[in-house]
Amino acid sequence: MKRLYDEKEAWSAEERKSRQDRLLARMVRRGYQKSPALRKILDANKINPARIKTREDLETLPVTSREKLVEMEMRKPPYAGLENPDVAVDRIFTSPGPVYEPHLPETDYLWSRAFFAAGIGPADIALNAFSYHLVAAGLTFHNGLRKVGATVVPSGTSSSQIQVQLIRDLSVTAYVGTPSFLSSIIDQSKELGFDFKKDFRVRKACFAAEPLLPSLRQRFEKEYGIRTFQMYGATEVGDVAYECRAKSGWHICEETIVEIVDPATGKNVAPGELGEVVVTRLNDIFFLLRFGTGDLSRLVTKKCSCGRTSFRLAGIAGRVGDAVKVRGLFIAPSQMKLLSARFEGLPLQAVVSRKGHEDVLTLRVEKINSQVNSASWENNLKKIFKEICTVRIDVLEVVEKGGIKPDQKLIVDLRTW
């Protein structure tokens, strides 16, 4: 049995970069010729398309946010002038805004890498609970499942009761959808008198479109024996990354250049630092360069035990507007929640202030037990905080139980600018 979907997943860093640089240069040259919008962007920034030869050169271009893309499409519908007029579009998807996206056919089979990594194959009957109506998810996931040989039940957004019936009657073995909907389906099965683990055969689940909370992952895996995998993408750019069985981050797709940038400057941050996920999908149809997702993540460069050699995303840590920058590094509420979970739900709050010209990071924690004041406990907390947030604590403040209200902000910025 092969471990990887194709040879691209095991490319060396040099092979991967060489191919991506070549495709990027071609995309920019062709886009400059075919797309008036891309030509306008390059000309406005005094950039000769011949100068964009490598992924490092992308940094000279502005990041295009989703809000900016909506504005561009309103001025020049349907694709903001970013499309290749010489290519026939087989499907047009839409998402709130509205944003119209031409279907990128190659993204269909690319999702198959994610499904293969999750162990889905010809022996599986997969319930696809994503909508097939207007949005890209249903059809693109459907085609990716077919590429790995799975039989697909296109259930879409049918009621949870209908989903239970389909899972039971068709002996479904894999689920593709949102984690919250699978949780609802499980609850519905209980109401109908079934034991989801004993009466049904679902043992694999691939999630997208919303975060997989640690508590939900534990519920699915521990209580129901379902192996869970996360997939990450956007309608504007297709698939971006996917999780393997090692669960050590999300492998970045080979046909995608992903940058982690400072949202304020658009410049790349160092590997391991928090920043905005910016995506360039290498293709000849839709010339959208440096799409700013608004999501925050970190780049994982350590080799994965699964054998795939691509860099990985360390999940999604929140949205750009939620993050606070401390000494050049971002911290996000989701990181604080993760830290709290590592310490049995410890109530905590980060407070950022300034002393002279220096940022000061204070972590407030409640004294929930006698260990909180011990030196070993405090050292461990500081160590894990730095592992999660990549920035050190300057002051650890212990407050009495109840001193941090549940509705208080997880991160408070007291600095004036």
Protein backbone atom coordinates (compact mmCIF):
# COMPACT_ATOMS: atom_id res chain seq x y z
CA MET A 1 0.00 0.00 0.00
CA LYS A 2 1.48 3.36 -1.02
CA ARG A 3 2.00 5.93 1.74
CA LEU A 4 1.70 9.07 -0.40
CA TYR A 5 -0.80 10.16 -3.03
CA ASP A 6 1.85 11.15 -5.59
CA GLU A 7 5.56 11.85 -5.93
CA LYS A 8 5.06 15.61 -5.50
CA GLU A 9 4.34 15.12 -1.80
CA ALA A 10 7.90 13.81 -1.33
CA TRP A 11 9.74 16.40 -3.42
CA SER A 12 12.86 17.99 -2.02
CA ALA A 13 12.68 21.66 -1.07
CA GLU A 14 14.76 22.48 -4.15
CA GLU A 15 12.46 20.57 -6.53
CA ARG A 16 9.35 22.15 -5.05
CA LYS A 17 10.74 25.69 -5.14
CA SER A 18 12.06 25.32 -8.69
CA ARG A 19 8.69 24.19 -9.98
CA GLN A 20 6.72 26.81 -8.06
CA ASP A 21 9.05 29.60 -9.19
CA ARG A 22 8.69 28.51 -12.81
CA LEU A 23 4.88 28.36 -12.62
CA LEU A 24 4.71 31.69 -10.79
CA ALA A 25 6.83 33.48 -13.40
CA ARG A 26 4.63 32.05 -16.16
CA MET A 27 1.44 33.04 -14.33
CA VAL A 28 2.63 36.63 -13.90
CA ARG A 29 3.78 36.97 -17.51
CA ARG A 30 0.55 35.52 -18.86
CA GLY A 31 -1.57 37.47 -16.39
CA TYR A 32 0.07 40.73 -17.39
CA GLN A 33 -0.82 40.00 -21.02
CA LYS A 34 -4.37 38.75 -20.44
CA SER A 35 -5.66 40.49 -17.30
CA PRO A 36 -6.20 44.27 -17.27
CA ALA A 37 -6.62 44.20 -13.48
CA LEU A 38 -3.29 42.49 -12.85
CA ARG A 39 -1.61 44.79 -15.37
CA LYS A 40 -3.02 47.78 -13.48
CA ILE A 41 -1.75 46.44 -10.13
CA LEU A 42 1.76 45.84 -11.47
CA ASP A 43 1.94 49.16 -13.30
CA ALA A 44 0.65 51.08 -10.25
CA ASN A 45 3.46 49.57 -8.18
CA LYS A 46 6.04 50.13 -10.97
CA ILE A 47 6.72 46.41 -11.21
CA ASN A 48 7.95 44.87 -14.44
CA PRO A 49 6.35 41.40 -14.73
CA ALA A 50 9.72 40.01 -15.78
CA ARG A 51 10.99 40.88 -12.28
CA ILE A 52 8.66 38.34 -10.63
CA LYS A 53 10.76 35.20 -10.99
CA THR A 54 10.60 33.59 -7.54
CA ARG A 55 8.25 33.34 -4.58
CA GLU A 56 10.48 35.83 -2.75
CA ASP A 57 9.65 38.41 -5.44
CA LEU A 58 5.96 38.19 -4.53
CA GLU A 59 6.65 40.36 -1.50
CA THR A 60 6.94 43.40 -3.81
CA LEU A 61 3.23 43.04 -4.68
CA PRO A 62 0.36 44.25 -2.48
CA VAL A 63 -1.84 41.78 -0.61
CA THR A 64 -5.41 41.65 -1.96
CA SER A 65 -7.90 41.20 0.88
CA ARG A 66 -11.32 39.69 0.38
CA GLU A 67 -12.86 43.12 0.95
CA LYS A 68 -10.64 44.55 -1.78
CA LEU A 69 -11.61 41.72 -4.14
CA VAL A 70 -15.31 42.47 -3.53
CA GLU A 71 -14.69 46.14 -4.42
CA MET A 72 -12.81 45.15 -7.57
CA GLU A 73 -15.58 42.80 -8.69
CA MET A 74 -18.23 45.45 -8.08
CA ARG A 75 -16.33 47.81 -10.39
CA LYS A 76 -15.69 45.16 -13.04
CA PRO A 77 -17.96 42.13 -12.70
CA PRO A 78 -17.87 39.24 -12.61
CA TYR A 79 -14.16 38.50 -11.93
CA ALA A 80 -12.66 41.97 -11.38
CA GLY A 81 -10.76 41.70 -14.66
CA LEU A 82 -8.46 39.05 -13.16
CA GLU A 83 -9.64 36.27 -15.47
CA ASN A 84 -8.06 34.86 -18.62
CA PRO A 85 -10.54 35.71 -21.42
CA ASP A 86 -9.08 32.99 -23.66
CA VAL A 87 -10.14 30.17 -21.31
CA ALA A 88 -13.72 28.87 -21.23
CA VAL A 89 -15.07 28.66 -17.67
CA ASP A 90 -17.07 25.50 -16.96
CA ARG A 91 -18.55 26.64 -13.61
CA ILE A 92 -19.00 29.89 -11.72
CA PHE A 93 -19.14 29.77 -7.93
CA THR A 94 -20.25 32.51 -5.59
CA SER A 95 -19.74 33.37 -1.95
CA PRO A 96 -20.99 36.20 0.30
CA GLY A 97 -20.02 39.68 -0.86
CA PRO A 98 -20.88 38.65 -3.45
CA VAL A 99 -17.63 37.28 -4.84
CA TYR A 100 -17.75 35.35 -8.10
CA GLU A 101 -15.04 32.81 -8.78
CA PRO A 102 -14.31 30.90 -11.99
CA HIS A 103 -13.90 27.21 -11.29
CA LEU A 104 -10.28 26.08 -11.30
CA PRO A 105 -10.58 22.48 -12.57
CA GLU A 106 -7.28 21.29 -11.13
CA THR A 107 -8.48 22.04 -7.60
CA ASP A 108 -10.93 19.14 -7.83
CA TYR A 109 -8.30 16.44 -7.92
CA LEU A 110 -6.02 18.32 -5.53
CA TRP A 111 -8.48 17.73 -2.68
CA SER A 112 -7.90 14.04 -3.34
CA ARG A 113 -4.53 14.39 -1.60
CA ALA A 114 -6.36 15.41 1.56
CA PHE A 115 -8.77 12.48 1.33
CA PHE A 116 -5.92 10.05 0.62
CA ALA A 117 -4.05 11.37 3.67
CA ALA A 118 -7.17 10.62 5.72
CA GLY A 119 -7.18 7.03 4.51
CA ILE A 120 -10.28 7.38 2.31
CA GLY A 121 -10.26 5.13 -0.76
CA PRO A 122 -12.21 2.69 -2.98
CA ALA A 123 -13.55 0.74 -0.01
CA ASP A 124 -15.29 3.82 1.40
CA ILE A 125 -18.78 5.23 1.03
CA ALA A 126 -18.43 8.93 1.82
CA LEU A 127 -21.26 11.23 2.90
CA ASN A 128 -20.57 14.70 1.46
CA ALA A 129 -22.56 17.08 3.65
CA PHE A 130 -21.37 20.28 1.97
CA SER A 131 -23.75 22.30 -0.17
CA TYR A 132 -23.77 21.65 -3.91
CA HIS A 133 -25.67 24.91 -4.46
CA LEU A 134 -23.73 27.98 -5.74
CA VAL A 135 -20.70 27.47 -3.49
CA ALA A 136 -17.61 25.47 -4.46
CA ALA A 137 -17.35 23.03 -1.56
CA GLY A 138 -19.87 20.35 -2.51
CA LEU A 139 -18.76 19.77 -6.10
CA THR A 140 -15.02 20.14 -5.55
CA PHE A 141 -14.99 17.78 -2.57
CA HIS A 142 -17.20 15.38 -4.53
CA ASN A 143 -14.69 15.23 -7.38
CA GLY A 144 -11.78 14.84 -4.99
CA LEU A 145 -13.51 11.88 -3.34
CA ARG A 146 -14.14 10.28 -6.71
CA LYS A 147 -10.45 10.67 -7.60
CA VAL A 148 -9.47 8.44 -4.66
CA GLY A 149 -12.13 5.92 -5.68
CA ALA A 150 -14.68 6.54 -2.93
CA THR A 151 -18.40 6.21 -3.57
CA VAL A 152 -20.04 9.55 -2.80
CA VAL A 153 -23.42 10.18 -1.19
CA PRO A 154 -24.18 13.81 -2.20
CA SER A 155 -26.34 14.55 0.83
CA GLY A 156 -25.54 18.27 0.89
CA THR A 157 -27.27 20.23 3.63
CA SER A 158 -30.21 17.87 4.12
CA SER A 159 -31.67 17.68 7.63
CA SER A 160 -29.77 15.75 10.28
CA GLN A 161 -32.59 13.19 10.37
CA ILE A 162 -32.16 12.46 6.65
CA GLN A 163 -28.39 12.27 7.12
CA VAL A 164 -28.86 9.65 9.85
CA GLN A 165 -31.06 7.60 7.54
CA LEU A 166 -28.50 7.79 4.72
CA ILE A 167 -25.64 6.80 7.02
CA ARG A 168 -27.63 3.82 8.28
CA ASP A 169 -29.18 2.60 5.02
CA LEU A 170 -26.07 3.07 2.85
CA SER A 171 -23.47 1.87 5.38
CA VAL A 172 -21.54 5.14 5.15
CA THR A 173 -17.92 4.84 6.33
CA ALA A 174 -16.62 8.40 5.90
CA TYR A 175 -18.02 11.87 6.56
CA VAL A 176 -17.06 15.11 4.79
CA GLY A 177 -18.55 18.31 6.21
CA THR A 178 -18.35 20.64 9.18
CA PRO A 179 -17.60 19.28 12.67
CA SER A 180 -20.65 20.98 14.18
CA PHE A 181 -22.96 19.26 11.68
CA LEU A 182 -21.48 15.84 12.42
CA SER A 183 -22.06 16.53 16.11
CA SER A 184 -25.71 17.36 15.32
CA ILE A 185 -26.06 14.16 13.29
CA ILE A 186 -24.71 12.11 16.20
CA ASP A 187 -27.13 13.81 18.60
CA GLN A 188 -30.00 13.18 16.18
CA SER A 189 -29.09 9.49 15.96
CA LYS A 190 -29.34 9.25 19.75
CA GLU A 191 -32.80 10.82 19.67
CA LEU A 192 -33.83 8.22 17.10
CA GLY A 193 -32.66 5.43 19.41
CA PHE A 194 -29.34 4.54 17.77
CA ASP A 195 -25.87 4.04 19.21
CA PHE A 196 -23.73 5.90 16.66
CA LYS A 197 -20.58 3.89 17.34
CA LYS A 198 -22.20 0.45 17.47
CA ASP A 199 -24.97 0.84 14.91
CA PHE A 200 -23.11 2.83 12.25
CA ARG A 201 -19.82 2.38 10.35
CA VAL A 202 -18.50 5.96 10.14
CA ARG A 203 -14.81 5.76 11.10
CA LYS A 204 -13.25 8.66 9.17
CA ALA A 205 -14.18 12.34 8.98
CA CYS A 206 -12.70 15.22 6.98
CA PHE A 207 -13.66 18.69 8.16
CA ALA A 208 -13.50 22.13 6.55
CA ALA A 209 -15.19 25.56 6.71
CA GLU A 210 -15.05 25.89 10.50
CA PRO A 211 -12.56 25.16 13.31
CA LEU A 212 -12.39 21.70 14.84
CA LEU A 213 -12.47 22.44 18.55
CA PRO A 214 -10.27 20.15 20.69
CA SER A 215 -13.34 19.12 22.70
CA LEU A 216 -15.18 18.04 19.54
CA ARG A 217 -12.16 16.17 18.20
CA GLN A 218 -11.91 14.30 21.48
CA ARG A 219 -15.62 13.51 21.37
CA PHE A 220 -15.44 12.09 17.85
CA GLU A 221 -12.26 10.10 18.38
CA LYS A 222 -12.62 8.87 21.96
CA GLU A 223 -16.37 8.32 22.17
CA TYR A 224 -17.13 7.24 18.61
CA GLY A 225 -13.86 5.88 17.22
CA ILE A 226 -13.84 8.35 14.30
CA ARG A 227 -10.43 9.39 12.95
CA THR A 228 -10.64 13.13 12.28
CA PHE A 229 -8.77 15.25 9.73
CA GLN A 230 -8.84 18.95 8.97
CA MET A 231 -8.75 20.56 5.52
CA TYR A 232 -8.18 24.23 4.79
CA GLY A 233 -9.04 26.26 1.72
CA ALA A 234 -11.00 29.18 0.33
CA THR A 235 -13.37 29.54 -2.60
CA GLU A 236 -11.11 32.22 -4.11
CA VAL A 237 -8.03 29.98 -4.25
CA GLY A 238 -9.22 26.39 -3.76
CA ASP A 239 -7.43 23.92 -1.51
CA VAL A 240 -4.59 25.28 0.58
CA ALA A 241 -3.58 22.67 3.18
CA TYR A 242 -4.60 19.37 4.75
CA GLU A 243 -3.87 17.24 7.79
CA CYS A 244 -2.19 13.84 7.74
CA ARG A 245 -2.33 11.03 10.29
CA ALA A 246 0.66 12.45 12.19
CA LYS A 247 -1.51 15.46 13.19
CA SER A 248 1.55 17.72 13.25
CA GLY A 249 0.13 20.54 11.15
CA TRP A 250 -1.56 21.01 7.79
CA HIS A 251 0.51 20.15 4.71
CA ILE A 252 0.54 22.97 2.17
CA CYS A 253 -0.64 21.90 -1.28
CA GLU A 254 2.00 21.71 -4.00
CA GLU A 255 0.19 24.02 -6.43
CA THR A 256 -0.10 26.77 -3.85
CA ILE A 257 2.37 29.35 -2.61
CA VAL A 258 1.56 30.24 0.99
CA GLU A 259 3.16 33.17 2.78
CA ILE A 260 2.80 34.11 6.44
CA VAL A 261 2.98 37.89 6.57
CA ASP A 262 2.72 40.83 8.92
CA PRO A 263 -0.82 42.12 8.21
CA ALA A 264 0.35 45.72 8.59
CA THR A 265 3.22 45.56 6.10
CA GLY A 266 2.59 42.54 3.88
CA LYS A 267 6.16 41.41 4.56
CA ASN A 268 6.93 37.79 5.40
CA VAL A 269 7.55 36.93 9.04
CA ALA A 270 10.09 34.34 10.19
CA PRO A 271 9.06 30.66 10.28
CA GLY A 272 7.26 29.91 13.54
CA GLU A 273 5.96 33.46 13.97
CA LEU A 274 2.27 34.28 13.80
CA GLY A 275 0.98 36.18 10.78
CA GLU A 276 -1.71 36.35 8.11
CA VAL A 277 -2.07 33.47 5.66
CA VAL A 278 -1.57 34.88 2.14
CA VAL A 279 -2.18 32.53 -0.79
CA THR A 280 -1.22 32.51 -4.45
CA ARG A 281 -2.85 29.70 -6.44
CA LEU A 282 -0.63 28.84 -9.41
CA ASN A 283 -2.92 28.64 -12.45
CA ASP A 284 -3.60 30.11 -15.89
CA ILE A 285 -7.28 31.00 -15.42
CA PHE A 286 -7.67 33.44 -12.50
CA PHE A 287 -4.71 35.75 -11.89
CA LEU A 288 -5.24 36.49 -8.21
CA LEU A 289 -1.84 37.06 -6.62
CA ARG A 290 -1.29 37.29 -2.85
CA PHE A 291 -4.85 36.75 -1.66
CA GLY A 292 -5.11 37.74 2.00
CA THR A 293 -7.31 35.20 3.78
CA GLY A 294 -7.56 37.20 7.01
CA ASP A 295 -6.64 34.02 8.92
CA LEU A 296 -3.72 33.88 11.33
CA SER A 297 -1.32 30.96 11.43
CA ARG A 298 2.32 29.94 11.81
CA LEU A 299 4.60 28.06 9.43
CA VAL A 300 5.93 24.68 10.59
CA THR A 301 9.20 23.74 8.88
CA LYS A 302 10.16 20.66 10.90
CA LYS A 303 10.00 17.43 8.89
CA CYS A 304 6.78 15.43 9.30
CA SER A 305 6.95 11.75 10.23
CA CYS A 306 4.41 10.88 7.51
CA GLY A 307 7.00 11.32 4.75
CA ARG A 308 5.46 14.40 3.14
CA THR A 309 8.08 17.10 2.77
CA SER A 310 6.05 20.30 2.37
CA PHE A 311 5.96 22.99 5.02
CA ARG A 312 2.82 23.00 7.16
CA LEU A 313 0.41 25.43 8.74
CA ALA A 314 0.00 25.20 12.51
CA GLY A 315 -3.79 25.39 12.32
CA ILE A 316 -5.69 28.68 12.41
CA ALA A 317 -5.04 30.90 15.42
CA GLY A 318 -7.76 33.46 14.75
CA ARG A 319 -8.53 36.39 12.48
CA VAL A 320 -6.31 39.36 11.70
CA GLY A 321 -8.45 41.86 13.64
CA ASP A 322 -8.28 39.72 16.80
CA ALA A 323 -4.50 39.59 17.08
CA VAL A 324 -2.26 41.90 19.10
CA LYS A 325 1.39 42.51 18.26
CA VAL A 326 3.91 42.30 21.10
CA ARG A 327 7.59 42.98 20.43
CA GLY A 328 7.04 42.28 16.74
CA LEU A 329 5.12 39.02 17.28
CA PHE A 330 1.37 38.47 17.16
CA ILE A 331 -0.64 36.72 19.85
CA ALA A 332 -4.26 35.73 19.26
CA PRO A 333 -7.21 34.81 21.52
CA SER A 334 -7.23 31.24 20.21
CA GLN A 335 -3.68 30.79 21.48
CA MET A 336 -4.82 31.94 24.91
CA LYS A 337 -7.66 29.42 24.81
CA LEU A 338 -5.20 26.67 23.90
CA LEU A 339 -2.97 27.67 26.81
CA SER A 340 -5.96 27.63 29.17
CA ALA A 341 -6.92 24.14 27.97
CA ARG A 342 -3.38 22.89 28.66
CA PHE A 343 -3.90 23.94 32.30
CA GLU A 344 -7.35 22.42 32.86
CA GLY A 345 -9.33 25.51 31.89
CA LEU A 346 -7.25 27.96 33.91
CA PRO A 347 -8.87 31.44 33.78
CA LEU A 348 -6.29 33.82 32.31
CA GLN A 349 -5.83 37.12 30.53
CA ALA A 350 -2.90 38.73 28.70
CA VAL A 351 -2.37 42.45 29.24
CA VAL A 352 -0.03 44.37 26.95
CA SER A 353 1.35 47.69 28.20
CA ARG A 354 4.38 49.84 27.54
CA LYS A 355 7.23 50.91 29.81
CA GLY A 356 9.17 53.68 28.12
CA HIS A 357 9.67 52.34 24.61
CA GLU A 358 9.41 48.67 25.61
CA ASP A 359 6.36 46.41 25.35
CA VAL A 360 5.47 44.64 28.59
CA LEU A 361 3.44 41.43 28.50
CA THR A 362 1.64 40.56 31.73
CA LEU A 363 -0.20 37.27 32.09
CA ARG A 364 -2.92 37.32 34.74
CA VAL A 365 -4.03 33.92 36.06
CA GLU A 366 -6.46 32.88 38.77
CA LYS A 367 -5.28 31.05 41.86
CA ILE A 368 -7.49 28.02 41.36
CA ASN A 369 -5.37 25.74 43.57
CA SER A 370 -2.26 25.71 45.77
CA GLN A 371 0.04 24.78 42.87
CA VAL A 372 -0.47 28.09 41.08
CA ASN A 373 2.09 29.92 43.21
CA SER A 374 4.75 27.20 43.11
CA ALA A 375 7.96 27.96 41.22
CA SER A 376 7.81 24.77 39.16
CA TRP A 377 4.21 25.46 38.09
CA GLU A 378 5.02 29.05 37.11
CA ASN A 379 8.11 27.98 35.15
CA ASN A 380 6.09 25.37 33.30
CA LEU A 381 3.38 27.92 32.49
CA LYS A 382 5.94 30.38 31.11
CA LYS A 383 7.59 27.64 29.07
CA ILE A 384 4.33 26.45 27.49
CA PHE A 385 3.18 30.05 26.90
CA LYS A 386 6.34 30.68 24.86
CA GLU A 387 5.85 27.42 22.94
CA ILE A 388 2.30 28.39 21.98
CA CYS A 389 2.67 32.15 21.52
CA THR A 390 6.40 32.39 20.59
CA VAL A 391 6.78 35.41 22.88
CA ARG A 392 7.87 35.44 26.54
CA ILE A 393 5.90 36.59 29.58
CA ASP A 394 7.41 39.61 31.34
CA VAL A 395 5.15 39.59 34.41
CA LEU A 396 3.05 36.77 35.85
CA GLU A 397 0.25 38.14 38.03
CA VAL A 398 -1.75 35.73 40.20
CA VAL A 399 -5.21 36.97 41.20
CA GLU A 400 -7.73 35.47 43.58
CA LYS A 401 -10.34 33.03 42.32
CA GLY A 402 -13.09 34.91 40.47
CA GLY A 403 -10.75 37.80 39.67
CA ILE A 404 -10.97 37.11 35.93
CA LYS A 405 -14.54 37.22 34.65
CA PRO A 406 -15.60 34.74 31.92
CA ASP A 407 -16.75 37.59 29.64
CA GLN A 408 -13.51 39.57 29.88
CA LYS A 409 -11.26 39.90 26.83
CA LEU A 410 -8.50 37.31 26.63
CA ILE A 411 -6.06 39.94 25.39
CA VAL A 412 -6.15 43.58 26.53
CA ASP A 413 -3.94 46.18 24.83
CA LEU A 414 -3.34 49.22 27.08
CA ARG A 415 -0.79 50.88 24.81
CA THR A 416 -1.50 54.26 23.22
CA TRP A 417 -0.26 54.99 19.73
